[in-house]
Amino acid sequence: MNAPENPAPTLDLVDEINRLRKQLNAVLLAHYYQADELQDLADHVGDSLALSQQAAKTSAEVIVFCGVHFMAETAKILNPDKLVLLPDLEAGCSLSDQCPADQFAAFVARYENPFVVSYVNSSAAVKAMSDVICTSSNAVKIVERAPKDRPVIFGPDQHLGRFVMKKTGRALVLWPGSCQVHELFSEKKIVQLQVRHPEAEVVAHPECLERVLAHAAFVGSTKGILDYVVKSPKKTFIIATEPGIIHQIKKLAPDKELIPAPGEDESCSCNECPFMRLNTLEKLYLCMRDRKPEITLPEEIRKRALVPLRRMLEWS
């Protein structure tokens, strides 16, 4: 396979992307964890739930997903007749990677008549084994609606699962997965930041470790964090999620001081998702120019995965 021909250095990539957007009748969807310039170009910026909802109702002929692989797969599940593009096919997810479909199937098979709730951060094949999908925005609501007379399996994020158990009082069987970014936030360094900034509130994503969540004034989805910070009378916040969200918060609340929560290793950008950051302006242009990489799925898996996805959208 030949490598794509790189754009000329003099090419205005933003102008070209906007031209191609019109030419292709394309919609650009970007997650909050994408680079600032990709967020600024997108037609819709949001968390996994909002982007799933946008993908479900778009009239565009082409969906260009500035996010990671499972998000683009979700768009394809909902839109089998549309061209779905992802700027970099290597933009995966540590959670999805830690939950291979064959191993998850064996795990589910250990329980009699289970009700399977799968976090959206999972492969299409895992979604196809599920009764309903959830996101961090609606996980509590979804689990509250799960049958009371069946064992409820929750995967692949064990930390989100524990948070949901506390919120709902429901017993869940947890798949032992975790997000490599949210698991690396340092409780010690967050406490040190709180000492230096006693006026600051910690806001955290439920994928974080319990000991980090214990310091948070608010725990919620990426969109939940954005809404909380923007509406709060407080002025300083320590943000314990991927720092891409800070770009959108600053647009809505430029007067707030936003401090990214650090990981243990201060020599690396451990609070940035390496998969999300694989997408770039140049790769976005190339994928629209060349109409690839394209997301494709076996039709049997797509149809089976569509059922729990639609149930999530109905329950949300």
C-alpha atoms as a PDB file:
ATOM      1  CA  MET A   1       0.000   0.000   0.000  1.00  0.00           C
ATOM      2  CA  ASN A   2       1.487   3.317  -1.052  1.00  0.00           C
ATOM      3  CA  ALA A   3       1.777   6.090   1.523  1.00  0.00           C
ATOM      4  CA  PRO A   4      -0.478   9.095   0.847  1.00  0.00           C
ATOM      5  CA  GLU A   5       1.148  11.988  -0.945  1.00  0.00           C
ATOM      6  CA  ASN A   6       1.712  14.724   1.614  1.00  0.00           C
ATOM      7  CA  PRO A   7       0.143  18.142   1.012  1.00  0.00           C
ATOM      8  CA  ALA A   8       2.322  20.946  -0.292  1.00  0.00           C
ATOM      9  CA  PRO A   9       3.805  23.089   2.517  1.00  0.00           C
ATOM     10  CA  THR A  10       2.128  26.168   1.040  1.00  0.00           C
ATOM     11  CA  LEU A  11      -1.353  24.624   1.129  1.00  0.00           C
ATOM     12  CA  ASP A  12      -3.842  26.247   3.511  1.00  0.00           C
ATOM     13  CA  LEU A  13      -5.123  23.123   5.230  1.00  0.00           C
ATOM     14  CA  VAL A  14      -8.052  24.831   6.932  1.00  0.00           C
ATOM     15  CA  ASP A  15      -9.300  26.265   3.627  1.00  0.00           C
ATOM     16  CA  GLU A  16      -8.872  22.902   1.928  1.00  0.00           C
ATOM     17  CA  ILE A  17     -10.716  21.045   4.707  1.00  0.00           C
ATOM     18  CA  ASN A  18     -13.594  23.500   4.494  1.00  0.00           C
ATOM     19  CA  ARG A  19     -13.669  23.108   0.688  1.00  0.00           C
ATOM     20  CA  LEU A  20     -13.713  19.321   0.981  1.00  0.00           C
ATOM     21  CA  ARG A  21     -16.392  19.463   3.658  1.00  0.00           C
ATOM     22  CA  LYS A  22     -18.726  21.148   1.157  1.00  0.00           C
ATOM     23  CA  GLN A  23     -17.632  18.985  -1.773  1.00  0.00           C
ATOM     24  CA  LEU A  24     -18.213  15.741   0.136  1.00  0.00           C
ATOM     25  CA  ASN A  25     -21.308  16.919   2.006  1.00  0.00           C
ATOM     26  CA  ALA A  26     -19.395  15.889   5.112  1.00  0.00           C
ATOM     27  CA  VAL A  27     -19.944  16.481   8.812  1.00  0.00           C
ATOM     28  CA  LEU A  28     -16.886  16.797  11.067  1.00  0.00           C
ATOM     29  CA  LEU A  29     -17.335  15.369  14.563  1.00  0.00           C
ATOM     30  CA  ALA A  30     -14.643  15.965  17.195  1.00  0.00           C
ATOM     31  CA  HIS A  31     -14.278  14.709  20.735  1.00  0.00           C
ATOM     32  CA  TYR A  32     -13.346  17.081  23.541  1.00  0.00           C
ATOM     33  CA  TYR A  33      -9.961  15.327  23.819  1.00  0.00           C
ATOM     34  CA  GLN A  34      -8.853  16.258  20.306  1.00  0.00           C
ATOM     35  CA  ALA A  35      -6.246  18.951  19.592  1.00  0.00           C
ATOM     36  CA  ASP A  36      -7.567  22.509  19.752  1.00  0.00           C
ATOM     37  CA  GLU A  37      -7.352  23.146  15.999  1.00  0.00           C
ATOM     38  CA  LEU A  38      -9.457  20.051  15.255  1.00  0.00           C
ATOM     39  CA  GLN A  39     -12.085  21.069  17.784  1.00  0.00           C
ATOM     40  CA  ASP A  40     -12.250  24.513  16.185  1.00  0.00           C
ATOM     41  CA  LEU A  41     -12.880  23.031  12.728  1.00  0.00           C
ATOM     42  CA  ALA A  42     -15.574  20.577  13.792  1.00  0.00           C
ATOM     43  CA  ASP A  43     -19.268  20.971  13.115  1.00  0.00           C
ATOM     44  CA  HIS A  44     -19.960  19.316  16.466  1.00  0.00           C
ATOM     45  CA  VAL A  45     -17.690  18.942  19.496  1.00  0.00           C
ATOM     46  CA  GLY A  46     -18.802  16.731  22.349  1.00  0.00           C
ATOM     47  CA  ASP A  47     -18.395  13.699  24.533  1.00  0.00           C
ATOM     48  CA  SER A  48     -19.194  10.158  23.428  1.00  0.00           C
ATOM     49  CA  LEU A  49     -22.926  10.439  24.114  1.00  0.00           C
ATOM     50  CA  ALA A  50     -23.376  13.749  22.286  1.00  0.00           C
ATOM     51  CA  LEU A  51     -21.357  12.570  19.309  1.00  0.00           C
ATOM     52  CA  SER A  52     -23.308   9.294  19.138  1.00  0.00           C
ATOM     53  CA  GLN A  53     -26.504  11.337  19.084  1.00  0.00           C
ATOM     54  CA  GLN A  54     -25.127  13.576  16.324  1.00  0.00           C
ATOM     55  CA  ALA A  55     -24.016  10.545  14.303  1.00  0.00           C
ATOM     56  CA  ALA A  56     -27.471   9.021  14.659  1.00  0.00           C
ATOM     57  CA  LYS A  57     -29.276  12.017  13.196  1.00  0.00           C
ATOM     58  CA  THR A  58     -26.862  13.490  10.652  1.00  0.00           C
ATOM     59  CA  SER A  59     -28.044  13.985   7.077  1.00  0.00           C
ATOM     60  CA  ALA A  60     -24.473  14.319   5.772  1.00  0.00           C
ATOM     61  CA  GLU A  61     -23.244  11.773   3.239  1.00  0.00           C
ATOM     62  CA  VAL A  62     -19.795  11.507   4.851  1.00  0.00           C
ATOM     63  CA  ILE A  63     -18.922  11.407   8.569  1.00  0.00           C
ATOM     64  CA  VAL A  64     -15.371  12.434   9.426  1.00  0.00           C
ATOM     65  CA  PHE A  65     -14.661  11.450  13.020  1.00  0.00           C
ATOM     66  CA  CYS A  66     -11.879  13.264  14.842  1.00  0.00           C
ATOM     67  CA  GLY A  67     -11.723  10.854  17.726  1.00  0.00           C
ATOM     68  CA  VAL A  68     -10.675   7.259  18.229  1.00  0.00           C
ATOM     69  CA  HIS A  69     -11.557   4.009  16.481  1.00  0.00           C
ATOM     70  CA  PHE A  70     -14.476   2.874  18.641  1.00  0.00           C
ATOM     71  CA  MET A  71     -16.171   6.270  18.126  1.00  0.00           C
ATOM     72  CA  ALA A  72     -15.923   6.004  14.351  1.00  0.00           C
ATOM     73  CA  GLU A  73     -17.170   2.401  14.582  1.00  0.00           C
ATOM     74  CA  THR A  74     -20.191   3.655  16.537  1.00  0.00           C
ATOM     75  CA  ALA A  75     -20.926   6.146  13.761  1.00  0.00           C
ATOM     76  CA  LYS A  76     -20.706   3.335  11.188  1.00  0.00           C
ATOM     77  CA  ILE A  77     -23.005   1.078  13.219  1.00  0.00           C
ATOM     78  CA  LEU A  78     -25.603   3.844  13.179  1.00  0.00           C
ATOM     79  CA  ASN A  79     -24.969   4.830   9.544  1.00  0.00           C
ATOM     80  CA  PRO A  80     -24.229   1.742   7.428  1.00  0.00           C
ATOM     81  CA  ASP A  81     -24.808   3.543   4.124  1.00  0.00           C
ATOM     82  CA  LYS A  82     -22.555   6.512   4.856  1.00  0.00           C
ATOM     83  CA  LEU A  83     -18.820   6.835   4.315  1.00  0.00           C
ATOM     84  CA  VAL A  84     -17.177   7.070   7.755  1.00  0.00           C
ATOM     85  CA  LEU A  85     -13.588   8.316   7.868  1.00  0.00           C
ATOM     86  CA  LEU A  86     -11.030   8.384  10.698  1.00  0.00           C
ATOM     87  CA  PRO A  87      -7.872  10.471  10.132  1.00  0.00           C
ATOM     88  CA  ASP A  88      -5.603   7.845  11.731  1.00  0.00           C
ATOM     89  CA  LEU A  89      -6.621   4.177  12.008  1.00  0.00           C
ATOM     90  CA  GLU A  90      -4.068   3.731  14.788  1.00  0.00           C
ATOM     91  CA  ALA A  91      -6.147   6.028  17.029  1.00  0.00           C
ATOM     92  CA  GLY A  92      -7.348   3.260  19.310  1.00  0.00           C
ATOM     93  CA  CYS A  93      -8.294   3.106  22.990  1.00  0.00           C
ATOM     94  CA  SER A  94      -6.580   1.355  25.890  1.00  0.00           C
ATOM     95  CA  LEU A  95      -9.969   0.377  27.344  1.00  0.00           C
ATOM     96  CA  SER A  96     -11.170  -1.201  24.130  1.00  0.00           C
ATOM     97  CA  ASP A  97      -7.818  -2.926  23.613  1.00  0.00           C
ATOM     98  CA  GLN A  98      -7.987  -4.451  27.126  1.00  0.00           C
ATOM     99  CA  CYS A  99     -11.308  -6.125  26.345  1.00  0.00           C
ATOM    100  CA  PRO A 100     -10.827  -8.554  23.420  1.00  0.00           C
ATOM    101  CA  ALA A 101     -14.155  -9.880  22.184  1.00  0.00           C
ATOM    102  CA  ASP A 102     -13.266 -13.563  22.624  1.00  0.00           C
ATOM    103  CA  GLN A 103     -12.157 -13.056  26.234  1.00  0.00           C
ATOM    104  CA  PHE A 104     -15.208 -10.953  27.014  1.00  0.00           C
ATOM    105  CA  ALA A 105     -17.459 -13.648  25.544  1.00  0.00           C
ATOM    106  CA  ALA A 106     -15.870 -16.251  27.834  1.00  0.00           C
ATOM    107  CA  PHE A 107     -16.297 -13.903  30.808  1.00  0.00           C
ATOM    108  CA  VAL A 108     -19.999 -13.340  30.046  1.00  0.00           C
ATOM    109  CA  ALA A 109     -20.567 -17.084  29.564  1.00  0.00           C
ATOM    110  CA  ARG A 110     -19.684 -17.731  33.221  1.00  0.00           C
ATOM    111  CA  TYR A 111     -22.968 -16.162  34.331  1.00  0.00           C
ATOM    112  CA  GLU A 112     -26.521 -17.420  33.880  1.00  0.00           C
ATOM    113  CA  ASN A 113     -28.778 -15.073  31.891  1.00  0.00           C
ATOM    114  CA  PRO A 114     -26.671 -11.941  32.460  1.00  0.00           C
ATOM    115  CA  PHE A 115     -27.635  -8.421  31.421  1.00  0.00           C
ATOM    116  CA  VAL A 116     -24.574  -6.888  29.780  1.00  0.00           C
ATOM    117  CA  VAL A 117     -23.935  -3.141  29.999  1.00  0.00           C
ATOM    118  CA  SER A 118     -20.945  -2.163  27.874  1.00  0.00           C
ATOM    119  CA  TYR A 119     -19.262   1.207  28.059  1.00  0.00           C
ATOM    120  CA  VAL A 120     -19.098   2.873  24.657  1.00  0.00           C
ATOM    121  CA  ASN A 121     -15.280   2.625  24.877  1.00  0.00           C
ATOM    122  CA  SER A 122     -15.412  -0.889  23.434  1.00  0.00           C
ATOM    123  CA  SER A 123     -15.161  -2.592  20.072  1.00  0.00           C
ATOM    124  CA  ALA A 124     -18.130  -3.221  17.805  1.00  0.00           C
ATOM    125  CA  ALA A 125     -17.722  -6.946  18.529  1.00  0.00           C
ATOM    126  CA  VAL A 126     -18.089  -6.356  22.284  1.00  0.00           C
ATOM    127  CA  LYS A 127     -21.064  -4.058  21.707  1.00  0.00           C
ATOM    128  CA  ALA A 128     -22.636  -6.863  19.670  1.00  0.00           C
ATOM    129  CA  MET A 129     -22.603  -9.083  22.802  1.00  0.00           C
ATOM    130  CA  SER A 130     -24.276  -6.429  24.932  1.00  0.00           C
ATOM    131  CA  ASP A 131     -27.831  -5.676  26.010  1.00  0.00           C
ATOM    132  CA  VAL A 132     -27.272  -1.921  26.218  1.00  0.00           C
ATOM    133  CA  ILE A 133     -24.409   0.528  25.748  1.00  0.00           C
ATOM    134  CA  CYS A 134     -23.632   3.416  28.104  1.00  0.00           C
ATOM    135  CA  THR A 135     -21.361   6.441  28.269  1.00  0.00           C
ATOM    136  CA  SER A 136     -19.994   8.183  31.334  1.00  0.00           C
ATOM    137  CA  SER A 137     -22.805  10.738  30.883  1.00  0.00           C
ATOM    138  CA  ASN A 138     -25.611   8.198  31.204  1.00  0.00           C
ATOM    139  CA  ALA A 139     -24.068   5.136  32.911  1.00  0.00           C
ATOM    140  CA  VAL A 140     -25.946   5.688  36.174  1.00  0.00           C
ATOM    141  CA  LYS A 141     -29.270   6.139  34.374  1.00  0.00           C
ATOM    142  CA  ILE A 142     -28.667   3.071  32.197  1.00  0.00           C
ATOM    143  CA  VAL A 143     -27.727   0.784  35.100  1.00  0.00           C
ATOM    144  CA  GLU A 144     -30.742   1.968  37.107  1.00  0.00           C
ATOM    145  CA  ARG A 145     -32.926   0.614  34.289  1.00  0.00           C
ATOM    146  CA  ALA A 146     -31.179  -2.773  34.141  1.00  0.00           C
ATOM    147  CA  PRO A 147     -33.314  -5.761  35.239  1.00  0.00           C
ATOM    148  CA  LYS A 148     -33.218  -6.404  38.985  1.00  0.00           C
ATOM    149  CA  ASP A 149     -33.520 -10.180  38.626  1.00  0.00           C
ATOM    150  CA  ARG A 150     -30.449 -10.774  36.432  1.00  0.00           C
ATOM    151  CA  PRO A 151     -26.711 -10.461  37.124  1.00  0.00           C
ATOM    152  CA  VAL A 152     -25.482  -7.220  35.540  1.00  0.00           C
ATOM    153  CA  ILE A 153     -22.096  -7.351  33.851  1.00  0.00           C
ATOM    154  CA  PHE A 154     -20.380  -3.993  33.362  1.00  0.00           C
ATOM    155  CA  GLY A 155     -17.306  -3.484  31.215  1.00  0.00           C
ATOM    156  CA  PRO A 156     -14.738  -2.639  30.221  1.00  0.00           C
ATOM    157  CA  ASP A 157     -13.941   0.161  32.749  1.00  0.00           C
ATOM    158  CA  GLN A 158     -13.840  -1.115  36.329  1.00  0.00           C
ATOM    159  CA  HIS A 159     -13.428   2.371  37.849  1.00  0.00           C
ATOM    160  CA  LEU A 160     -16.508   3.756  36.123  1.00  0.00           C
ATOM    161  CA  GLY A 161     -18.282   0.561  37.193  1.00  0.00           C
ATOM    162  CA  ARG A 162     -17.400   1.101  40.865  1.00  0.00           C
ATOM    163  CA  PHE A 163     -18.562   4.708  40.649  1.00  0.00           C
ATOM    164  CA  VAL A 164     -21.884   3.538  39.168  1.00  0.00           C
ATOM    165  CA  MET A 165     -22.247   0.890  41.888  1.00  0.00           C
ATOM    166  CA  LYS A 166     -21.914   3.572  44.568  1.00  0.00           C
ATOM    167  CA  LYS A 167     -24.392   5.861  42.833  1.00  0.00           C
ATOM    168  CA  THR A 168     -27.029   3.208  42.143  1.00  0.00           C
ATOM    169  CA  GLY A 169     -26.549   0.691  44.957  1.00  0.00           C
ATOM    170  CA  ARG A 170     -26.602  -2.028  42.290  1.00  0.00           C
ATOM    171  CA  ALA A 171     -24.219  -4.973  42.435  1.00  0.00           C
ATOM    172  CA  LEU A 172     -22.236  -5.189  39.203  1.00  0.00           C
ATOM    173  CA  VAL A 173     -19.884  -7.822  37.828  1.00  0.00           C
ATOM    174  CA  LEU A 174     -16.917  -5.756  36.643  1.00  0.00           C
ATOM    175  CA  TRP A 175     -14.589  -6.517  33.746  1.00  0.00           C
ATOM    176  CA  PRO A 176     -11.086  -5.523  35.007  1.00  0.00           C
ATOM    177  CA  GLY A 177     -10.252  -2.824  32.436  1.00  0.00           C
ATOM    178  CA  SER A 178      -9.061   0.750  32.877  1.00  0.00           C
ATOM    179  CA  CYS A 179      -8.129   3.863  30.906  1.00  0.00           C
ATOM    180  CA  GLN A 180      -4.377   4.361  30.788  1.00  0.00           C
ATOM    181  CA  VAL A 181      -4.745   8.160  30.999  1.00  0.00           C
ATOM    182  CA  HIS A 182      -7.249   8.421  33.848  1.00  0.00           C
ATOM    183  CA  GLU A 183      -5.499   5.720  35.863  1.00  0.00           C
ATOM    184  CA  LEU A 184      -2.212   7.655  35.848  1.00  0.00           C
ATOM    185  CA  PHE A 185      -3.372  10.783  37.672  1.00  0.00           C
ATOM    186  CA  SER A 186      -1.341  11.137  40.871  1.00  0.00           C
ATOM    187  CA  GLU A 187      -3.268  11.525  44.133  1.00  0.00           C
ATOM    188  CA  LYS A 188      -0.125  12.826  45.824  1.00  0.00           C
ATOM    189  CA  LYS A 189       0.453  15.545  43.232  1.00  0.00           C
ATOM    190  CA  ILE A 190      -3.232  16.536  43.232  1.00  0.00           C
ATOM    191  CA  VAL A 191      -3.070  16.989  47.010  1.00  0.00           C
ATOM    192  CA  GLN A 192       0.089  19.061  46.585  1.00  0.00           C
ATOM    193  CA  LEU A 193      -1.761  21.261  44.086  1.00  0.00           C
ATOM    194  CA  GLN A 194      -4.621  21.656  46.566  1.00  0.00           C
ATOM    195  CA  VAL A 195      -2.152  22.841  49.200  1.00  0.00           C
ATOM    196  CA  ARG A 196      -0.705  25.417  46.787  1.00  0.00           C
ATOM    197  CA  HIS A 197      -4.185  26.416  45.569  1.00  0.00           C
ATOM    198  CA  PRO A 198      -6.495  26.085  48.607  1.00  0.00           C
ATOM    199  CA  GLU A 199      -9.270  27.883  46.722  1.00  0.00           C
ATOM    200  CA  ALA A 200      -9.266  25.292  43.914  1.00  0.00           C
ATOM    201  CA  GLU A 201     -11.844  22.553  43.429  1.00  0.00           C
ATOM    202  CA  VAL A 202     -10.928  19.194  41.962  1.00  0.00           C
ATOM    203  CA  VAL A 203     -13.236  17.963  39.199  1.00  0.00           C
ATOM    204  CA  ALA A 204     -12.697  14.412  37.978  1.00  0.00           C
ATOM    205  CA  HIS A 205     -13.882  11.870  35.442  1.00  0.00           C
ATOM    206  CA  PRO A 206     -15.264   8.626  36.938  1.00  0.00           C
ATOM    207  CA  GLU A 207     -12.638   6.603  35.035  1.00  0.00           C
ATOM    208  CA  CYS A 208     -10.121   7.865  37.636  1.00  0.00           C
ATOM    209  CA  LEU A 209      -8.994   5.753  40.594  1.00  0.00           C
ATOM    210  CA  GLU A 210     -11.197   5.886  43.708  1.00  0.00           C
ATOM    211  CA  ARG A 211      -8.455   7.577  45.714  1.00  0.00           C
ATOM    212  CA  VAL A 212      -8.414  10.435  43.188  1.00  0.00           C
ATOM    213  CA  LEU A 213     -12.208  10.688  43.114  1.00  0.00           C
ATOM    214  CA  ALA A 214     -12.190  11.026  46.911  1.00  0.00           C
ATOM    215  CA  HIS A 215     -10.650  14.516  46.523  1.00  0.00           C
ATOM    216  CA  ALA A 216     -13.127  15.719  43.906  1.00  0.00           C
ATOM    217  CA  ALA A 217     -15.865  18.275  44.537  1.00  0.00           C
ATOM    218  CA  PHE A 218     -17.512  16.995  41.357  1.00  0.00           C
ATOM    219  CA  VAL A 219     -17.268  13.677  39.518  1.00  0.00           C
ATOM    220  CA  GLY A 220     -18.834  13.422  36.091  1.00  0.00           C
ATOM    221  CA  SER A 221     -18.491  12.927  32.363  1.00  0.00           C
ATOM    222  CA  THR A 222     -16.409  15.249  30.230  1.00  0.00           C
ATOM    223  CA  LYS A 223     -19.527  17.275  29.365  1.00  0.00           C
ATOM    224  CA  GLY A 224     -20.557  17.188  33.010  1.00  0.00           C
ATOM    225  CA  ILE A 225     -17.180  18.613  34.034  1.00  0.00           C
ATOM    226  CA  LEU A 226     -17.479  21.373  31.439  1.00  0.00           C
ATOM    227  CA  ASP A 227     -20.977  22.355  32.611  1.00  0.00           C
ATOM    228  CA  TYR A 228     -20.007  22.259  36.292  1.00  0.00           C
ATOM    229  CA  VAL A 229     -16.924  24.449  35.879  1.00  0.00           C
ATOM    230  CA  VAL A 230     -18.677  26.985  33.644  1.00  0.00           C
ATOM    231  CA  LYS A 231     -21.637  27.385  36.041  1.00  0.00           C
ATOM    232  CA  SER A 232     -19.681  27.292  39.301  1.00  0.00           C
ATOM    233  CA  PRO A 233     -18.982  30.544  41.183  1.00  0.00           C
ATOM    234  CA  LYS A 234     -15.528  29.144  41.958  1.00  0.00           C
ATOM    235  CA  LYS A 235     -12.645  30.512  39.901  1.00  0.00           C
ATOM    236  CA  THR A 236      -9.921  27.842  40.123  1.00  0.00           C
ATOM    237  CA  PHE A 237     -10.192  24.167  39.196  1.00  0.00           C
ATOM    238  CA  ILE A 238      -7.875  21.176  39.050  1.00  0.00           C
ATOM    239  CA  ILE A 239      -9.034  19.167  36.024  1.00  0.00           C
ATOM    240  CA  ALA A 240      -8.622  15.392  36.433  1.00  0.00           C
ATOM    241  CA  THR A 241      -9.463  14.304  32.917  1.00  0.00           C
ATOM    242  CA  GLU A 242      -7.795  14.575  29.508  1.00  0.00           C
ATOM    243  CA  PRO A 243      -6.820  18.271  29.176  1.00  0.00           C
ATOM    244  CA  GLY A 244      -8.346  18.673  25.715  1.00  0.00           C
ATOM    245  CA  ILE A 245     -11.560  19.727  27.510  1.00  0.00           C
ATOM    246  CA  ILE A 246      -9.815  22.850  28.797  1.00  0.00           C
ATOM    247  CA  HIS A 247     -10.011  24.427  25.328  1.00  0.00           C
ATOM    248  CA  GLN A 248     -13.812  24.379  25.363  1.00  0.00           C
ATOM    249  CA  ILE A 249     -14.070  25.503  28.996  1.00  0.00           C
ATOM    250  CA  LYS A 250     -11.847  28.513  28.263  1.00  0.00           C
ATOM    251  CA  LYS A 251     -14.136  29.533  25.406  1.00  0.00           C
ATOM    252  CA  LEU A 252     -17.153  29.576  27.711  1.00  0.00           C
ATOM    253  CA  ALA A 253     -15.456  30.766  30.922  1.00  0.00           C
ATOM    254  CA  PRO A 254     -12.275  32.699  30.046  1.00  0.00           C
ATOM    255  CA  ASP A 255     -12.004  34.050  33.604  1.00  0.00           C
ATOM    256  CA  LYS A 256     -11.502  30.591  35.175  1.00  0.00           C
ATOM    257  CA  GLU A 257      -8.057  29.269  36.143  1.00  0.00           C
ATOM    258  CA  LEU A 258      -7.796  25.673  34.933  1.00  0.00           C
ATOM    259  CA  ILE A 259      -4.975  23.462  36.193  1.00  0.00           C
ATOM    260  CA  PRO A 260      -4.480  20.060  34.516  1.00  0.00           C
ATOM    261  CA  ALA A 261      -4.087  17.299  37.087  1.00  0.00           C
ATOM    262  CA  PRO A 262      -0.613  15.753  36.792  1.00  0.00           C
ATOM    263  CA  GLY A 263       0.495  12.152  36.547  1.00  0.00           C
ATOM    264  CA  GLU A 264       3.303  10.629  38.593  1.00  0.00           C
ATOM    265  CA  ASP A 265       5.887  11.320  35.888  1.00  0.00           C
ATOM    266  CA  GLU A 266       6.146  15.070  35.342  1.00  0.00           C
ATOM    267  CA  SER A 267       8.597  14.553  32.459  1.00  0.00           C
ATOM    268  CA  CYS A 268       5.841  13.298  30.138  1.00  0.00           C
ATOM    269  CA  SER A 269       2.426  14.499  29.021  1.00  0.00           C
ATOM    270  CA  CYS A 270       0.813  11.541  30.776  1.00  0.00           C
ATOM    271  CA  ASN A 271      -2.490  13.381  31.193  1.00  0.00           C
ATOM    272  CA  GLU A 272      -2.913  13.506  27.396  1.00  0.00           C
ATOM    273  CA  CYS A 273      -4.428  10.542  25.575  1.00  0.00           C
ATOM    274  CA  PRO A 274      -1.777   9.390  23.081  1.00  0.00           C
ATOM    275  CA  PHE A 275      -4.447   7.833  20.850  1.00  0.00           C
ATOM    276  CA  MET A 276      -6.604  10.955  20.678  1.00  0.00           C
ATOM    277  CA  ARG A 277      -3.545  13.021  19.793  1.00  0.00           C
ATOM    278  CA  LEU A 278      -2.665  10.855  16.771  1.00  0.00           C
ATOM    279  CA  ASN A 279      -5.172  12.810  14.682  1.00  0.00           C
ATOM    280  CA  THR A 280      -3.693  15.983  13.209  1.00  0.00           C
ATOM    281  CA  LEU A 281      -4.768  18.754  10.861  1.00  0.00           C
ATOM    282  CA  GLU A 282      -2.681  17.227   8.073  1.00  0.00           C
ATOM    283  CA  LYS A 283      -4.154  13.738   8.574  1.00  0.00           C
ATOM    284  CA  LEU A 284      -7.653  15.216   8.620  1.00  0.00           C
ATOM    285  CA  TYR A 285      -7.015  16.882   5.257  1.00  0.00           C
ATOM    286  CA  LEU A 286      -5.504  13.720   3.756  1.00  0.00           C
ATOM    287  CA  CYS A 287      -8.352  11.480   4.872  1.00  0.00           C
ATOM    288  CA  MET A 288     -10.906  13.853   3.337  1.00  0.00           C
ATOM    289  CA  ARG A 289      -8.877  14.266   0.151  1.00  0.00           C
ATOM    290  CA  ASP A 290      -8.326  10.517  -0.309  1.00  0.00           C
ATOM    291  CA  ARG A 291     -11.613   9.291   1.259  1.00  0.00           C
ATOM    292  CA  LYS A 292      -9.672   6.942   3.524  1.00  0.00           C
ATOM    293  CA  PRO A 293      -9.012   5.420   6.023  1.00  0.00           C
ATOM    294  CA  GLU A 294     -12.595   4.203   5.854  1.00  0.00           C
ATOM    295  CA  ILE A 295     -14.303   2.420   8.736  1.00  0.00           C
ATOM    296  CA  THR A 296     -15.935  -0.855   7.688  1.00  0.00           C
ATOM    297  CA  LEU A 297     -17.651  -3.544   9.765  1.00  0.00           C
ATOM    298  CA  PRO A 298     -18.967  -7.057   9.134  1.00  0.00           C
ATOM    299  CA  GLU A 299     -22.716  -6.617   8.625  1.00  0.00           C
ATOM    300  CA  GLU A 300     -23.652  -9.318  11.154  1.00  0.00           C
ATOM    301  CA  ILE A 301     -21.674  -7.585  13.916  1.00  0.00           C
ATOM    302  CA  ARG A 302     -22.972  -4.164  12.894  1.00  0.00           C
ATOM    303  CA  LYS A 303     -26.604  -5.291  13.091  1.00  0.00           C
ATOM    304  CA  ARG A 304     -26.139  -6.947  16.476  1.00  0.00           C
ATOM    305  CA  ALA A 305     -24.284  -3.921  17.872  1.00  0.00           C
ATOM    306  CA  LEU A 306     -27.001  -1.590  16.587  1.00  0.00           C
ATOM    307  CA  VAL A 307     -29.597  -3.060  18.974  1.00  0.00           C
ATOM    308  CA  PRO A 308     -27.880  -2.077  22.262  1.00  0.00           C
ATOM    309  CA  LEU A 309     -26.780   1.249  20.806  1.00  0.00           C
ATOM    310  CA  ARG A 310     -30.342   2.133  19.865  1.00  0.00           C
ATOM    311  CA  ARG A 311     -31.475   1.049  23.332  1.00  0.00           C
ATOM    312  CA  MET A 312     -28.938   3.472  24.863  1.00  0.00           C
ATOM    313  CA  LEU A 313     -30.191   6.332  22.721  1.00  0.00           C
ATOM    314  CA  GLU A 314     -33.795   5.514  23.675  1.00  0.00           C
ATOM    315  CA  TRP A 315     -32.973   5.262  27.390  1.00  0.00           C
ATOM    316  CA  SER A 316     -31.020   8.523  27.234  1.00  0.00           C
END
